[in-house]
């Protein structure tokens, strides 16, 4: 997922974090801040098994996190701002589509990272899903298999030759096709 869309959404929709969003920084080692700071980072992606038998069509879940850092010189005064800031981030991200190919972002849970005399770190996890593998042959290839299929010549026609099993030839030891064609037909396909 291109996290710049998520970053832009957070900057536009979270006034409490205006100018205080850091991308890809390790929040656990960052210096404490007296104002709220958010750290945005990708986490991982998870893939489901392919839904098709002769094609690849997988659901990919892109996961990312927003770590909120609040100054906590008085630990009791850090809890209410955390609650409000968490709700503000939810309003900004839950239901937002980070790209045309993605489903809306969903909340995946949160947890306290650390809470000491100087700061409170709280991690919010989110995800958005998309499909790997195209729906229509006219769309660009997304997998090796689709690229291979795109390189095949177009089907222009078919010829079917039928050698029927019944009646079995009494001259053969086993009943089965005798090698004589009983039926032949052809068809051309036009696009």
C-alpha atoms as a PDB file:
ATOM      1  CA  UNK A   1       0.000   0.000   0.000  1.00  0.00           C
ATOM      2  CA  UNK A   2       1.178   3.493  -0.743  1.00  0.00           C
ATOM      3  CA  UNK A   3       1.181   4.994   2.737  1.00  0.00           C
ATOM      4  CA  UNK A   4       1.364   8.554   1.406  1.00  0.00           C
ATOM      5  CA  UNK A   5      -2.429   8.450   0.905  1.00  0.00           C
ATOM      6  CA  UNK A   6      -2.819   7.421   4.559  1.00  0.00           C
ATOM      7  CA  UNK A   7      -0.375  10.142   5.651  1.00  0.00           C
ATOM      8  CA  UNK A   8      -2.276  12.796   3.668  1.00  0.00           C
ATOM      9  CA  UNK A   9      -5.565  11.609   5.189  1.00  0.00           C
ATOM     10  CA  UNK A  10      -4.167  11.778   8.733  1.00  0.00           C
ATOM     11  CA  UNK A  11      -2.737  15.257   8.159  1.00  0.00           C
ATOM     12  CA  UNK A  12      -6.021  16.521   6.715  1.00  0.00           C
ATOM     13  CA  UNK A  13      -8.383  14.875   9.216  1.00  0.00           C
ATOM     14  CA  UNK A  14      -6.470  14.903  12.536  1.00  0.00           C
ATOM     15  CA  UNK A  15      -6.065  18.497  13.722  1.00  0.00           C
ATOM     16  CA  UNK A  16      -4.538  17.322  17.026  1.00  0.00           C
ATOM     17  CA  UNK A  17      -1.640  15.806  15.058  1.00  0.00           C
ATOM     18  CA  UNK A  18      -1.153  18.660  12.571  1.00  0.00           C
ATOM     19  CA  UNK A  19       2.530  18.734  11.669  1.00  0.00           C
ATOM     20  CA  UNK A  20       3.356  15.957  14.146  1.00  0.00           C
ATOM     21  CA  UNK A  21       3.186  12.815  12.005  1.00  0.00           C
ATOM     22  CA  UNK A  22       6.422  10.921  11.365  1.00  0.00           C
ATOM     23  CA  UNK A  23       6.679   8.174   8.726  1.00  0.00           C
ATOM     24  CA  UNK A  24       8.685   5.016   9.311  1.00  0.00           C
ATOM     25  CA  UNK A  25      10.344   6.079  12.558  1.00  0.00           C
ATOM     26  CA  UNK A  26      10.781   3.687  15.447  1.00  0.00           C
ATOM     27  CA  UNK A  27       8.460   5.151  18.063  1.00  0.00           C
ATOM     28  CA  UNK A  28       9.912   2.984  20.830  1.00  0.00           C
ATOM     29  CA  UNK A  29      13.304   4.677  20.565  1.00  0.00           C
ATOM     30  CA  UNK A  30      12.156   8.190  19.617  1.00  0.00           C
ATOM     31  CA  UNK A  31      12.554  10.950  22.144  1.00  0.00           C
ATOM     32  CA  UNK A  32       9.528  11.780  24.284  1.00  0.00           C
ATOM     33  CA  UNK A  33       7.350  14.629  23.151  1.00  0.00           C
ATOM     34  CA  UNK A  34       5.236  17.078  25.074  1.00  0.00           C
ATOM     35  CA  UNK A  35       2.724  17.297  22.244  1.00  0.00           C
ATOM     36  CA  UNK A  36       1.020  14.310  20.649  1.00  0.00           C
ATOM     37  CA  UNK A  37       3.067  12.704  17.885  1.00  0.00           C
ATOM     38  CA  UNK A  38       2.004   9.895  15.532  1.00  0.00           C
ATOM     39  CA  UNK A  39       4.375   7.413  13.908  1.00  0.00           C
ATOM     40  CA  UNK A  40       3.061   5.781  10.720  1.00  0.00           C
ATOM     41  CA  UNK A  41       4.716   2.579   9.484  1.00  0.00           C
ATOM     42  CA  UNK A  42       3.907  -0.488   7.345  1.00  0.00           C
ATOM     43  CA  UNK A  43       3.719  -3.750   9.318  1.00  0.00           C
ATOM     44  CA  UNK A  44       3.269  -6.675   6.892  1.00  0.00           C
ATOM     45  CA  UNK A  45       0.899  -8.218   4.394  1.00  0.00           C
ATOM     46  CA  UNK A  46      -1.016 -11.459   4.678  1.00  0.00           C
ATOM     47  CA  UNK A  47      -2.278 -13.508   1.729  1.00  0.00           C
ATOM     48  CA  UNK A  48      -5.171 -15.947   1.548  1.00  0.00           C
ATOM     49  CA  UNK A  49      -5.057 -19.108  -0.535  1.00  0.00           C
ATOM     50  CA  UNK A  50      -6.057 -18.713  -4.169  1.00  0.00           C
ATOM     51  CA  UNK A  51      -9.810 -18.808  -4.700  1.00  0.00           C
ATOM     52  CA  UNK A  52      -9.523 -20.258  -8.229  1.00  0.00           C
ATOM     53  CA  UNK A  53      -8.394 -23.619  -9.538  1.00  0.00           C
ATOM     54  CA  UNK A  54      -6.936 -22.587 -12.878  1.00  0.00           C
ATOM     55  CA  UNK A  55      -6.188 -18.943 -12.076  1.00  0.00           C
ATOM     56  CA  UNK A  56      -4.541 -17.068  -9.230  1.00  0.00           C
ATOM     57  CA  UNK A  57      -6.939 -14.857  -7.324  1.00  0.00           C
ATOM     58  CA  UNK A  58      -5.817 -14.072  -3.780  1.00  0.00           C
ATOM     59  CA  UNK A  59      -6.969 -11.577  -1.180  1.00  0.00           C
ATOM     60  CA  UNK A  60      -4.006  -9.614   0.182  1.00  0.00           C
ATOM     61  CA  UNK A  61      -4.310  -7.826   3.524  1.00  0.00           C
ATOM     62  CA  UNK A  62      -1.892  -4.877   3.788  1.00  0.00           C
ATOM     63  CA  UNK A  63      -1.335  -3.982   7.445  1.00  0.00           C
ATOM     64  CA  UNK A  64       0.076  -0.770   8.908  1.00  0.00           C
ATOM     65  CA  UNK A  65       0.220   0.888  12.292  1.00  0.00           C
ATOM     66  CA  UNK A  66      -0.086   4.308  13.832  1.00  0.00           C
ATOM     67  CA  UNK A  67       1.776   4.665  17.129  1.00  0.00           C
ATOM     68  CA  UNK A  68       0.596   7.573  19.257  1.00  0.00           C
ATOM     69  CA  UNK A  69       3.150   9.184  21.592  1.00  0.00           C
ATOM     70  CA  UNK A  70       1.868  11.481  24.319  1.00  0.00           C
ATOM     71  CA  UNK A  71       3.808  13.307  27.001  1.00  0.00           C
ATOM     72  CA  UNK A  72       3.047  11.744  30.385  1.00  0.00           C
ATOM     73  CA  UNK A  73       4.689  13.832  33.101  1.00  0.00           C
ATOM     74  CA  UNK A  74       1.446  13.248  34.997  1.00  0.00           C
ATOM     75  CA  UNK A  75       0.303   9.733  33.956  1.00  0.00           C
ATOM     76  CA  UNK A  76      -3.311  10.343  34.954  1.00  0.00           C
ATOM     77  CA  UNK A  77      -3.535  13.320  32.588  1.00  0.00           C
ATOM     78  CA  UNK A  78      -2.334  11.243  29.584  1.00  0.00           C
ATOM     79  CA  UNK A  79      -5.284   8.831  29.577  1.00  0.00           C
ATOM     80  CA  UNK A  80      -8.100  11.155  28.448  1.00  0.00           C
ATOM     81  CA  UNK A  81      -6.075  12.714  25.592  1.00  0.00           C
ATOM     82  CA  UNK A  82      -5.221   9.174  24.428  1.00  0.00           C
ATOM     83  CA  UNK A  83      -8.908   8.290  24.285  1.00  0.00           C
ATOM     84  CA  UNK A  84      -9.736  11.435  22.270  1.00  0.00           C
ATOM     85  CA  UNK A  85      -6.751  11.115  19.944  1.00  0.00           C
ATOM     86  CA  UNK A  86      -7.498   7.454  19.253  1.00  0.00           C
ATOM     87  CA  UNK A  87     -11.080   8.368  18.283  1.00  0.00           C
ATOM     88  CA  UNK A  88      -9.772  11.134  16.010  1.00  0.00           C
ATOM     89  CA  UNK A  89      -7.492   8.665  14.188  1.00  0.00           C
ATOM     90  CA  UNK A  90     -10.407   6.220  13.805  1.00  0.00           C
ATOM     91  CA  UNK A  91     -12.566   8.960  12.259  1.00  0.00           C
ATOM     92  CA  UNK A  92      -9.753   9.764   9.825  1.00  0.00           C
ATOM     93  CA  UNK A  93      -8.908   6.223   8.699  1.00  0.00           C
ATOM     94  CA  UNK A  94     -11.682   3.676   9.274  1.00  0.00           C
ATOM     95  CA  UNK A  95     -13.656   3.450   6.034  1.00  0.00           C
ATOM     96  CA  UNK A  96     -11.096   5.464   4.004  1.00  0.00           C
ATOM     97  CA  UNK A  97      -9.978   3.839   0.707  1.00  0.00           C
ATOM     98  CA  UNK A  98      -6.193   4.285   0.274  1.00  0.00           C
ATOM     99  CA  UNK A  99      -6.386   3.416  -3.438  1.00  0.00           C
ATOM    100  CA  UNK A 100      -8.893   2.400  -6.105  1.00  0.00           C
ATOM    101  CA  UNK A 101      -7.899  -1.279  -5.857  1.00  0.00           C
ATOM    102  CA  UNK A 102      -8.318  -1.405  -2.067  1.00  0.00           C
ATOM    103  CA  UNK A 103     -11.321  -2.068   0.137  1.00  0.00           C
ATOM    104  CA  UNK A 104     -11.889   0.538   2.875  1.00  0.00           C
ATOM    105  CA  UNK A 105      -9.452   0.548   5.801  1.00  0.00           C
ATOM    106  CA  UNK A 106     -10.524  -1.407   8.899  1.00  0.00           C
ATOM    107  CA  UNK A 107      -9.311  -1.216  12.476  1.00  0.00           C
ATOM    108  CA  UNK A 108      -7.366  -4.295  13.610  1.00  0.00           C
ATOM    109  CA  UNK A 109      -6.892  -3.476  17.307  1.00  0.00           C
ATOM    110  CA  UNK A 110      -4.595  -1.541  19.573  1.00  0.00           C
ATOM    111  CA  UNK A 111      -2.246  -2.010  22.491  1.00  0.00           C
ATOM    112  CA  UNK A 112      -0.066  -0.130  24.919  1.00  0.00           C
ATOM    113  CA  UNK A 113       3.587  -0.184  23.873  1.00  0.00           C
ATOM    114  CA  UNK A 114       4.984   1.589  26.938  1.00  0.00           C
ATOM    115  CA  UNK A 115       3.828   3.885  29.704  1.00  0.00           C
ATOM    116  CA  UNK A 116       6.389   5.487  31.995  1.00  0.00           C
ATOM    117  CA  UNK A 117       6.983   8.777  33.785  1.00  0.00           C
ATOM    118  CA  UNK A 118       7.792  10.657  30.542  1.00  0.00           C
ATOM    119  CA  UNK A 119       5.492   9.338  27.852  1.00  0.00           C
ATOM    120  CA  UNK A 120       2.733   6.993  26.795  1.00  0.00           C
ATOM    121  CA  UNK A 121       3.047   4.984  23.551  1.00  0.00           C
ATOM    122  CA  UNK A 122      -0.074   3.334  22.157  1.00  0.00           C
ATOM    123  CA  UNK A 123      -0.150   1.315  18.901  1.00  0.00           C
ATOM    124  CA  UNK A 124      -3.202   1.264  16.607  1.00  0.00           C
ATOM    125  CA  UNK A 125      -3.190  -1.420  13.893  1.00  0.00           C
ATOM    126  CA  UNK A 126      -5.133  -1.074  10.634  1.00  0.00           C
ATOM    127  CA  UNK A 127      -5.500  -3.021   7.390  1.00  0.00           C
ATOM    128  CA  UNK A 128      -6.944  -2.736   3.904  1.00  0.00           C
ATOM    129  CA  UNK A 129      -7.433  -5.602   1.461  1.00  0.00           C
ATOM    130  CA  UNK A 130      -7.118  -5.924  -2.299  1.00  0.00           C
ATOM    131  CA  UNK A 131      -7.266  -8.750  -4.821  1.00  0.00           C
ATOM    132  CA  UNK A 132      -4.138 -10.097  -6.490  1.00  0.00           C
ATOM    133  CA  UNK A 133      -5.168 -11.397  -9.895  1.00  0.00           C
ATOM    134  CA  UNK A 134      -7.274  -9.598 -12.441  1.00  0.00           C
ATOM    135  CA  UNK A 135     -10.984 -10.059 -13.072  1.00  0.00           C
ATOM    136  CA  UNK A 136     -11.038  -9.445 -16.845  1.00  0.00           C
ATOM    137  CA  UNK A 137      -8.582 -10.448 -19.593  1.00  0.00           C
ATOM    138  CA  UNK A 138      -8.573  -6.805 -20.770  1.00  0.00           C
ATOM    139  CA  UNK A 139      -6.941  -5.697 -17.479  1.00  0.00           C
ATOM    140  CA  UNK A 140      -3.123  -5.673 -17.148  1.00  0.00           C
ATOM    141  CA  UNK A 141      -1.494  -8.886 -15.934  1.00  0.00           C
ATOM    142  CA  UNK A 142      -0.808  -9.031 -12.185  1.00  0.00           C
ATOM    143  CA  UNK A 143       0.791 -12.506 -11.969  1.00  0.00           C
ATOM    144  CA  UNK A 144       3.225 -14.601 -14.003  1.00  0.00           C
ATOM    145  CA  UNK A 145       0.403 -16.974 -14.991  1.00  0.00           C
ATOM    146  CA  UNK A 146      -1.633 -14.092 -16.425  1.00  0.00           C
ATOM    147  CA  UNK A 147       1.403 -12.862 -18.402  1.00  0.00           C
ATOM    148  CA  UNK A 148       1.886 -16.349 -19.792  1.00  0.00           C
ATOM    149  CA  UNK A 149      -1.785 -16.577 -20.833  1.00  0.00           C
ATOM    150  CA  UNK A 150      -1.552 -13.135 -22.478  1.00  0.00           C
ATOM    151  CA  UNK A 151       1.265 -14.477 -24.693  1.00  0.00           C
ATOM    152  CA  UNK A 152      -0.825 -17.315 -26.136  1.00  0.00           C
ATOM    153  CA  UNK A 153      -2.374 -16.882 -29.596  1.00  0.00           C
ATOM    154  CA  UNK A 154      -6.093 -16.206 -29.751  1.00  0.00           C
ATOM    155  CA  UNK A 155      -8.412 -19.169 -30.230  1.00  0.00           C
ATOM    156  CA  UNK A 156      -9.813 -18.892 -33.771  1.00  0.00           C
ATOM    157  CA  UNK A 157     -11.600 -22.203 -34.156  1.00  0.00           C
ATOM    158  CA  UNK A 158     -11.868 -25.830 -33.151  1.00  0.00           C
ATOM    159  CA  UNK A 159     -12.143 -29.197 -34.874  1.00  0.00           C
ATOM    160  CA  UNK A 160     -13.625 -32.185 -33.035  1.00  0.00           C
ATOM    161  CA  UNK A 161     -13.095 -35.775 -34.202  1.00  0.00           C
ATOM    162  CA  UNK A 162     -15.139 -38.481 -32.491  1.00  0.00           C
ATOM    163  CA  UNK A 163     -14.235 -42.176 -32.371  1.00  0.00           C
ATOM    164  CA  UNK A 164     -17.150 -43.783 -30.508  1.00  0.00           C
ATOM    165  CA  UNK A 165     -16.665 -46.728 -28.152  1.00  0.00           C
ATOM    166  CA  UNK A 166     -20.012 -48.425 -28.950  1.00  0.00           C
ATOM    167  CA  UNK A 167     -20.495 -50.576 -30.827  1.00  0.00           C
ATOM    168  CA  UNK A 168     -17.243 -52.277 -29.900  1.00  0.00           C
ATOM    169  CA  UNK A 169     -15.270 -53.919 -32.692  1.00  0.00           C
ATOM    170  CA  UNK A 170     -15.472 -57.738 -32.220  1.00  0.00           C
ATOM    171  CA  UNK A 171     -11.981 -58.063 -33.778  1.00  0.00           C
ATOM    172  CA  UNK A 172     -10.402 -56.155 -30.846  1.00  0.00           C
ATOM    173  CA  UNK A 173      -9.493 -57.986 -27.637  1.00  0.00           C
ATOM    174  CA  UNK A 174     -10.902 -55.171 -25.451  1.00  0.00           C
ATOM    175  CA  UNK A 175     -13.991 -53.139 -26.203  1.00  0.00           C
ATOM    176  CA  UNK A 176     -13.094 -49.560 -26.972  1.00  0.00           C
ATOM    177  CA  UNK A 177     -12.431 -47.095 -29.795  1.00  0.00           C
ATOM    178  CA  UNK A 178     -11.647 -48.858 -33.048  1.00  0.00           C
ATOM    179  CA  UNK A 179      -9.707 -46.071 -34.767  1.00  0.00           C
ATOM    180  CA  UNK A 180     -12.482 -45.235 -37.247  1.00  0.00           C
ATOM    181  CA  UNK A 181     -13.875 -41.715 -37.010  1.00  0.00           C
ATOM    182  CA  UNK A 182     -17.650 -41.745 -36.803  1.00  0.00           C
ATOM    183  CA  UNK A 183     -18.071 -37.956 -36.586  1.00  0.00           C
ATOM    184  CA  UNK A 184     -16.033 -34.836 -37.438  1.00  0.00           C
ATOM    185  CA  UNK A 185     -17.116 -31.220 -37.126  1.00  0.00           C
ATOM    186  CA  UNK A 186     -15.402 -27.816 -37.075  1.00  0.00           C
ATOM    187  CA  UNK A 187     -16.297 -24.342 -35.940  1.00  0.00           C
ATOM    188  CA  UNK A 188     -14.674 -20.939 -36.382  1.00  0.00           C
ATOM    189  CA  UNK A 189     -14.740 -18.242 -33.722  1.00  0.00           C
ATOM    190  CA  UNK A 190     -15.072 -14.610 -34.720  1.00  0.00           C
ATOM    191  CA  UNK A 191     -14.357 -11.740 -32.398  1.00  0.00           C
END
